[in-house]
Amino acid sequence: MKNSLQEQACLAQRRGGAEAAKKIKQLSISNLCASASLRDIFNFFTCSRLVLRERERQRKEIRRIRRKLGLTQVAAARLTGGGHNAFSRYERGEVAPLPAVIKLLHLLDKHPELLEDIA
């Protein structure tokens, strides 16, 4: 497996492109026997596991903050400028939110009184 395929899969997963990452994995897995070392295989799947673990942590945090603020998923999506299904996807871990959304939620988590100013 070439490092570029591994890096592409990791980047695609980090950006929320689950389908793109899945396709890259399928391509690279089909080439494992021919060109990959055990270390390459281990690194590839370790990266995948780490990305999934981080996304799981992030989705739980997003849900916790939204509930703390007393917002519905639709209201939270409106607040952050996303579509009506955006927060549902964030909370299911299907899509990684933009860094600005994460920063806004962290800010509101620390200062919930600011919600009145921006809502």
N, C-alpha and C. Protein backbone atom coordinates (compact mmCIF):
# COMPACT_ATOMS: atom_id res chain seq x y z
N MET A 1 0.85 -1.18 0.00
CA MET A 1 0.00 0.00 0.00
C MET A 1 0.89 1.23 0.00
N LYS A 2 0.61 2.15 -0.84
CA LYS A 2 1.39 3.37 -0.91
C LYS A 2 0.94 4.32 0.19
N ASN A 3 1.89 5.08 0.73
CA ASN A 3 1.55 6.05 1.77
C ASN A 3 0.51 7.05 1.28
N SER A 4 0.56 7.40 0.01
CA SER A 4 -0.38 8.39 -0.50
C SER A 4 -1.83 7.90 -0.36
N LEU A 5 -2.08 6.62 -0.58
CA LEU A 5 -3.43 6.09 -0.39
C LEU A 5 -3.84 6.16 1.06
N GLN A 6 -2.93 5.81 1.96
CA GLN A 6 -3.21 5.88 3.39
C GLN A 6 -3.52 7.31 3.80
N GLU A 7 -2.69 8.24 3.35
CA GLU A 7 -2.91 9.64 3.69
C GLU A 7 -4.21 10.17 3.11
N GLN A 8 -4.54 9.77 1.89
CA GLN A 8 -5.80 10.21 1.27
C GLN A 8 -7.00 9.69 2.07
N ALA A 9 -6.96 8.45 2.51
CA ALA A 9 -8.07 7.89 3.28
C ALA A 9 -8.22 8.61 4.60
N CYS A 10 -7.12 8.88 5.28
CA CYS A 10 -7.18 9.59 6.56
C CYS A 10 -7.73 11.00 6.38
N LEU A 11 -7.26 11.70 5.36
CA LEU A 11 -7.75 13.05 5.10
C LEU A 11 -9.23 13.05 4.74
N ALA A 12 -9.64 12.10 3.93
CA ALA A 12 -11.06 12.02 3.54
C ALA A 12 -11.93 11.77 4.75
N GLN A 13 -11.49 10.91 5.65
CA GLN A 13 -12.28 10.64 6.85
C GLN A 13 -12.33 11.85 7.76
N ARG A 14 -11.20 12.54 7.92
CA ARG A 14 -11.17 13.72 8.79
C ARG A 14 -12.09 14.80 8.27
N ARG A 15 -12.21 14.91 6.97
CA ARG A 15 -13.06 15.94 6.38
C ARG A 15 -14.52 15.53 6.32
N GLY A 16 -14.82 14.35 6.78
CA GLY A 16 -16.21 13.91 6.79
C GLY A 16 -16.63 13.21 5.53
N GLY A 17 -15.71 12.89 4.64
CA GLY A 17 -16.04 12.22 3.40
C GLY A 17 -16.00 10.71 3.57
N ALA A 18 -16.96 10.18 4.29
CA ALA A 18 -16.99 8.75 4.58
C ALA A 18 -17.01 7.91 3.31
N GLU A 19 -17.78 8.34 2.33
CA GLU A 19 -17.86 7.57 1.08
C GLU A 19 -16.53 7.58 0.33
N ALA A 20 -15.90 8.75 0.28
CA ALA A 20 -14.60 8.83 -0.40
C ALA A 20 -13.57 7.98 0.31
N ALA A 21 -13.57 8.03 1.63
CA ALA A 21 -12.62 7.22 2.40
C ALA A 21 -12.88 5.73 2.19
N LYS A 22 -14.14 5.36 2.11
CA LYS A 22 -14.50 3.96 1.90
C LYS A 22 -13.98 3.47 0.54
N LYS A 23 -14.14 4.29 -0.49
CA LYS A 23 -13.66 3.91 -1.82
C LYS A 23 -12.14 3.78 -1.85
N ILE A 24 -11.46 4.73 -1.18
CA ILE A 24 -10.01 4.67 -1.13
C ILE A 24 -9.56 3.42 -0.39
N LYS A 25 -10.25 3.09 0.71
CA LYS A 25 -9.92 1.87 1.45
C LYS A 25 -10.08 0.64 0.58
N GLN A 26 -11.20 0.58 -0.15
CA GLN A 26 -11.44 -0.58 -1.01
C GLN A 26 -10.34 -0.72 -2.05
N LEU A 27 -9.95 0.38 -2.65
CA LEU A 27 -8.87 0.34 -3.64
C LEU A 27 -7.57 -0.12 -3.01
N SER A 28 -7.27 0.44 -1.85
CA SER A 28 -5.99 0.11 -1.24
C SER A 28 -5.99 -1.29 -0.65
N ILE A 29 -7.12 -1.76 -0.13
CA ILE A 29 -7.19 -3.12 0.40
C ILE A 29 -7.00 -4.14 -0.72
N SER A 30 -7.51 -3.84 -1.89
CA SER A 30 -7.34 -4.77 -3.00
C SER A 30 -5.88 -4.89 -3.43
N ASN A 31 -5.07 -3.88 -3.07
CA ASN A 31 -3.65 -3.90 -3.43
C ASN A 31 -2.75 -4.37 -2.28
N LEU A 32 -3.33 -4.73 -1.15
CA LEU A 32 -2.53 -5.07 0.02
C LEU A 32 -1.58 -6.23 -0.23
N CYS A 33 -2.08 -7.30 -0.79
CA CYS A 33 -1.26 -8.49 -0.97
C CYS A 33 -0.07 -8.23 -1.87
N ALA A 34 -0.26 -7.39 -2.84
CA ALA A 34 0.79 -7.18 -3.84
C ALA A 34 1.90 -6.25 -3.36
N SER A 35 1.55 -5.21 -2.60
CA SER A 35 2.57 -4.19 -2.39
C SER A 35 2.75 -3.67 -0.98
N ALA A 36 1.97 -4.13 0.00
CA ALA A 36 2.03 -3.52 1.32
C ALA A 36 2.81 -4.35 2.32
N SER A 37 3.47 -3.66 3.19
CA SER A 37 4.12 -4.33 4.31
C SER A 37 3.12 -4.40 5.46
N LEU A 38 3.40 -5.22 6.44
CA LEU A 38 2.52 -5.31 7.61
C LEU A 38 2.45 -3.97 8.33
N ARG A 39 3.54 -3.25 8.34
CA ARG A 39 3.55 -1.93 8.99
C ARG A 39 2.60 -0.96 8.27
N ASP A 40 2.60 -0.98 6.95
CA ASP A 40 1.68 -0.13 6.19
C ASP A 40 0.23 -0.47 6.52
N ILE A 41 -0.07 -1.76 6.56
CA ILE A 41 -1.43 -2.20 6.86
C ILE A 41 -1.83 -1.75 8.26
N PHE A 42 -0.94 -1.95 9.22
CA PHE A 42 -1.21 -1.54 10.60
C PHE A 42 -1.45 -0.03 10.68
N ASN A 43 -0.59 0.75 10.04
CA ASN A 43 -0.73 2.21 10.06
C ASN A 43 -2.05 2.65 9.44
N PHE A 44 -2.44 2.02 8.35
CA PHE A 44 -3.69 2.38 7.68
C PHE A 44 -4.90 2.18 8.59
N PHE A 45 -4.98 1.00 9.21
CA PHE A 45 -6.14 0.71 10.05
C PHE A 45 -6.08 1.44 11.38
N THR A 46 -4.90 1.73 11.88
CA THR A 46 -4.78 2.53 13.10
C THR A 46 -5.30 3.93 12.85
N CYS A 47 -4.96 4.52 11.71
CA CYS A 47 -5.45 5.85 11.35
C CYS A 47 -6.98 5.84 11.29
N SER A 48 -7.55 4.82 10.67
CA SER A 48 -9.00 4.72 10.56
C SER A 48 -9.65 4.65 11.94
N ARG A 49 -9.07 3.84 12.81
CA ARG A 49 -9.60 3.70 14.17
C ARG A 49 -9.53 5.00 14.93
N LEU A 50 -8.42 5.70 14.81
CA LEU A 50 -8.25 6.97 15.53
C LEU A 50 -9.24 8.02 15.04
N VAL A 51 -9.45 8.07 13.74
CA VAL A 51 -10.42 9.03 13.18
C VAL A 51 -11.82 8.71 13.69
N LEU A 52 -12.19 7.45 13.69
CA LEU A 52 -13.52 7.06 14.16
C LEU A 52 -13.68 7.35 15.65
N ARG A 53 -12.64 7.11 16.43
CA ARG A 53 -12.71 7.39 17.87
C ARG A 53 -12.88 8.88 18.13
N GLU A 54 -12.16 9.70 17.38
CA GLU A 54 -12.27 11.15 17.53
C GLU A 54 -13.66 11.63 17.11
N ARG A 55 -14.18 11.08 16.03
CA ARG A 55 -15.51 11.48 15.57
C ARG A 55 -16.59 11.08 16.61
N GLU A 56 -16.42 9.93 17.24
CA GLU A 56 -17.35 9.49 18.28
C GLU A 56 -17.33 10.45 19.47
N ARG A 57 -16.12 10.84 19.88
CA ARG A 57 -15.99 11.79 20.98
C ARG A 57 -16.64 13.13 20.63
N GLN A 58 -16.39 13.57 19.40
CA GLN A 58 -16.92 14.85 18.95
C GLN A 58 -18.44 14.83 18.86
N ARG A 59 -19.02 13.74 18.35
CA ARG A 59 -20.48 13.68 18.22
C ARG A 59 -21.16 13.71 19.58
N LYS A 60 -20.56 13.04 20.57
CA LYS A 60 -21.13 13.06 21.92
C LYS A 60 -21.06 14.46 22.52
N GLU A 61 -19.94 15.14 22.27
CA GLU A 61 -19.77 16.49 22.79
C GLU A 61 -20.77 17.45 22.15
N ILE A 62 -20.98 17.33 20.85
CA ILE A 62 -21.93 18.19 20.14
C ILE A 62 -23.34 18.00 20.71
N ARG A 63 -23.73 16.75 20.90
CA ARG A 63 -25.06 16.47 21.45
C ARG A 63 -25.20 17.03 22.87
N ARG A 64 -24.16 16.84 23.68
CA ARG A 64 -24.20 17.33 25.07
C ARG A 64 -24.38 18.84 25.10
N ILE A 65 -23.62 19.57 24.28
CA ILE A 65 -23.70 21.03 24.28
C ILE A 65 -25.06 21.49 23.77
N ARG A 66 -25.54 20.87 22.70
CA ARG A 66 -26.85 21.27 22.16
C ARG A 66 -27.95 21.09 23.20
N ARG A 67 -27.91 19.96 23.90
CA ARG A 67 -28.92 19.70 24.94
C ARG A 67 -28.77 20.67 26.10
N LYS A 68 -27.54 20.96 26.48
CA LYS A 68 -27.30 21.92 27.57
C LYS A 68 -27.91 23.28 27.24
N LEU A 69 -27.82 23.65 25.97
CA LEU A 69 -28.36 24.95 25.54
C LEU A 69 -29.86 24.91 25.33
N GLY A 70 -30.46 23.71 25.38
CA GLY A 70 -31.90 23.58 25.19
C GLY A 70 -32.35 23.77 23.75
N LEU A 71 -31.49 23.44 22.80
CA LEU A 71 -31.81 23.63 21.39
C LEU A 71 -32.23 22.32 20.75
N THR A 72 -33.15 22.42 19.80
CA THR A 72 -33.46 21.26 18.96
C THR A 72 -32.37 21.17 17.90
N GLN A 73 -32.33 20.06 17.20
CA GLN A 73 -31.35 19.92 16.12
C GLN A 73 -31.60 20.96 15.03
N VAL A 74 -32.84 21.23 14.74
CA VAL A 74 -33.18 22.22 13.70
C VAL A 74 -32.73 23.61 14.14
N ALA A 75 -32.99 23.96 15.40
CA ALA A 75 -32.59 25.29 15.90
C ALA A 75 -31.07 25.41 15.92
N ALA A 76 -30.38 24.35 16.31
CA ALA A 76 -28.91 24.37 16.33
C ALA A 76 -28.36 24.51 14.92
N ALA A 77 -28.98 23.84 13.96
CA ALA A 77 -28.54 23.94 12.56
C ALA A 77 -28.73 25.36 12.04
N ARG A 78 -29.86 25.98 12.39
CA ARG A 78 -30.11 27.37 11.98
C ARG A 78 -29.07 28.31 12.59
N LEU A 79 -28.77 28.07 13.86
CA LEU A 79 -27.80 28.90 14.58
C LEU A 79 -26.42 28.85 13.93
N THR A 80 -26.03 27.69 13.47
CA THR A 80 -24.69 27.52 12.88
C THR A 80 -24.67 27.70 11.38
N GLY A 81 -25.84 27.93 10.78
CA GLY A 81 -25.90 28.18 9.35
C GLY A 81 -25.94 26.93 8.50
N GLY A 82 -26.22 25.80 9.12
CA GLY A 82 -26.28 24.55 8.37
C GLY A 82 -27.68 24.25 7.88
N GLY A 83 -27.79 23.22 7.08
CA GLY A 83 -29.09 22.78 6.59
C GLY A 83 -29.89 22.13 7.71
N HIS A 84 -31.15 21.80 7.44
CA HIS A 84 -32.03 21.29 8.48
C HIS A 84 -31.61 19.91 9.00
N ASN A 85 -30.83 19.16 8.24
CA ASN A 85 -30.36 17.85 8.69
C ASN A 85 -28.92 17.86 9.20
N ALA A 86 -28.29 19.02 9.18
CA ALA A 86 -26.86 19.09 9.51
C ALA A 86 -26.56 18.56 10.90
N PHE A 87 -27.30 19.01 11.88
CA PHE A 87 -26.98 18.59 13.24
C PHE A 87 -27.25 17.12 13.47
N SER A 88 -28.25 16.59 12.82
CA SER A 88 -28.50 15.16 12.92
C SER A 88 -27.29 14.38 12.42
N ARG A 89 -26.73 14.83 11.31
CA ARG A 89 -25.54 14.16 10.75
C ARG A 89 -24.33 14.32 11.65
N TYR A 90 -24.17 15.50 12.26
CA TYR A 90 -23.06 15.72 13.18
C TYR A 90 -23.18 14.78 14.37
N GLU A 91 -24.39 14.69 14.92
CA GLU A 91 -24.60 13.89 16.12
C GLU A 91 -24.55 12.39 15.86
N ARG A 92 -24.74 11.99 14.63
CA ARG A 92 -24.59 10.57 14.27
C ARG A 92 -23.16 10.26 13.88
N GLY A 93 -22.33 11.28 13.75
CA GLY A 93 -20.94 11.08 13.38
C GLY A 93 -20.73 10.82 11.91
N GLU A 94 -21.74 11.10 11.09
CA GLU A 94 -21.64 10.87 9.65
C GLU A 94 -20.80 11.94 8.96
N VAL A 95 -20.85 13.15 9.49
CA VAL A 95 -20.15 14.28 8.89
C VAL A 95 -19.43 15.03 10.01
N ALA A 96 -18.22 15.43 9.74
CA ALA A 96 -17.48 16.24 10.70
C ALA A 96 -17.86 17.71 10.49
N PRO A 97 -18.27 18.39 11.54
CA PRO A 97 -18.63 19.80 11.39
C PRO A 97 -17.40 20.66 11.10
N LEU A 98 -17.64 21.80 10.53
CA LEU A 98 -16.56 22.76 10.27
C LEU A 98 -15.93 23.21 11.60
N PRO A 99 -14.67 23.55 11.60
CA PRO A 99 -14.03 24.03 12.82
C PRO A 99 -14.75 25.23 13.44
N ALA A 100 -15.32 26.09 12.61
CA ALA A 100 -16.04 27.26 13.13
C ALA A 100 -17.26 26.83 13.95
N VAL A 101 -17.93 25.78 13.53
CA VAL A 101 -19.10 25.27 14.26
C VAL A 101 -18.64 24.73 15.62
N ILE A 102 -17.57 23.99 15.62
CA ILE A 102 -17.04 23.44 16.88
C ILE A 102 -16.65 24.57 17.82
N LYS A 103 -15.98 25.59 17.30
CA LYS A 103 -15.55 26.72 18.13
C LYS A 103 -16.75 27.47 18.70
N LEU A 104 -17.78 27.67 17.88
CA LEU A 104 -18.99 28.33 18.36
C LEU A 104 -19.64 27.53 19.48
N LEU A 105 -19.73 26.22 19.30
CA LEU A 105 -20.33 25.38 20.34
C LEU A 105 -19.51 25.39 21.62
N HIS A 106 -18.19 25.37 21.51
CA HIS A 106 -17.35 25.44 22.71
C HIS A 106 -17.54 26.77 23.43
N LEU A 107 -17.64 27.84 22.66
CA LEU A 107 -17.86 29.16 23.24
C LEU A 107 -19.20 29.20 23.98
N LEU A 108 -20.25 28.68 23.34
CA LEU A 108 -21.57 28.67 23.97
C LEU A 108 -21.62 27.71 25.16
N ASP A 109 -20.81 26.69 25.14
CA ASP A 109 -20.74 25.77 26.27
C ASP A 109 -20.19 26.49 27.50
N LYS A 110 -19.18 27.33 27.28
CA LYS A 110 -18.58 28.07 28.39
C LYS A 110 -19.39 29.30 28.79
N HIS A 111 -20.09 29.89 27.81
CA HIS A 111 -20.86 31.12 28.06
C HIS A 111 -22.26 30.98 27.45
N PRO A 112 -23.13 30.19 28.05
CA PRO A 112 -24.46 29.96 27.47
C PRO A 112 -25.31 31.23 27.38
N GLU A 113 -24.98 32.24 28.17
CA GLU A 113 -25.73 33.49 28.12
C GLU A 113 -25.58 34.19 26.77
N LEU A 114 -24.52 33.88 26.03
CA LEU A 114 -24.32 34.48 24.71
C LEU A 114 -25.33 33.99 23.66
N LEU A 115 -25.99 32.91 23.96
CA LEU A 115 -26.98 32.37 23.03
C LEU A 115 -28.07 33.39 22.71
N GLU A 116 -28.47 34.17 23.72
CA GLU A 116 -29.50 35.19 23.53
C GLU A 116 -29.03 36.27 22.55
N ASP A 117 -27.76 36.57 22.56
CA ASP A 117 -27.20 37.61 21.69
C ASP A 117 -27.12 37.18 20.23
N ILE A 118 -26.91 35.89 19.98
CA ILE A 118 -26.71 35.46 18.61
C ILE A 118 -27.90 34.72 18.02
N ALA A 119 -28.87 34.37 18.85
CA ALA A 119 -30.04 33.64 18.35
C ALA A 119 -31.06 34.56 17.73
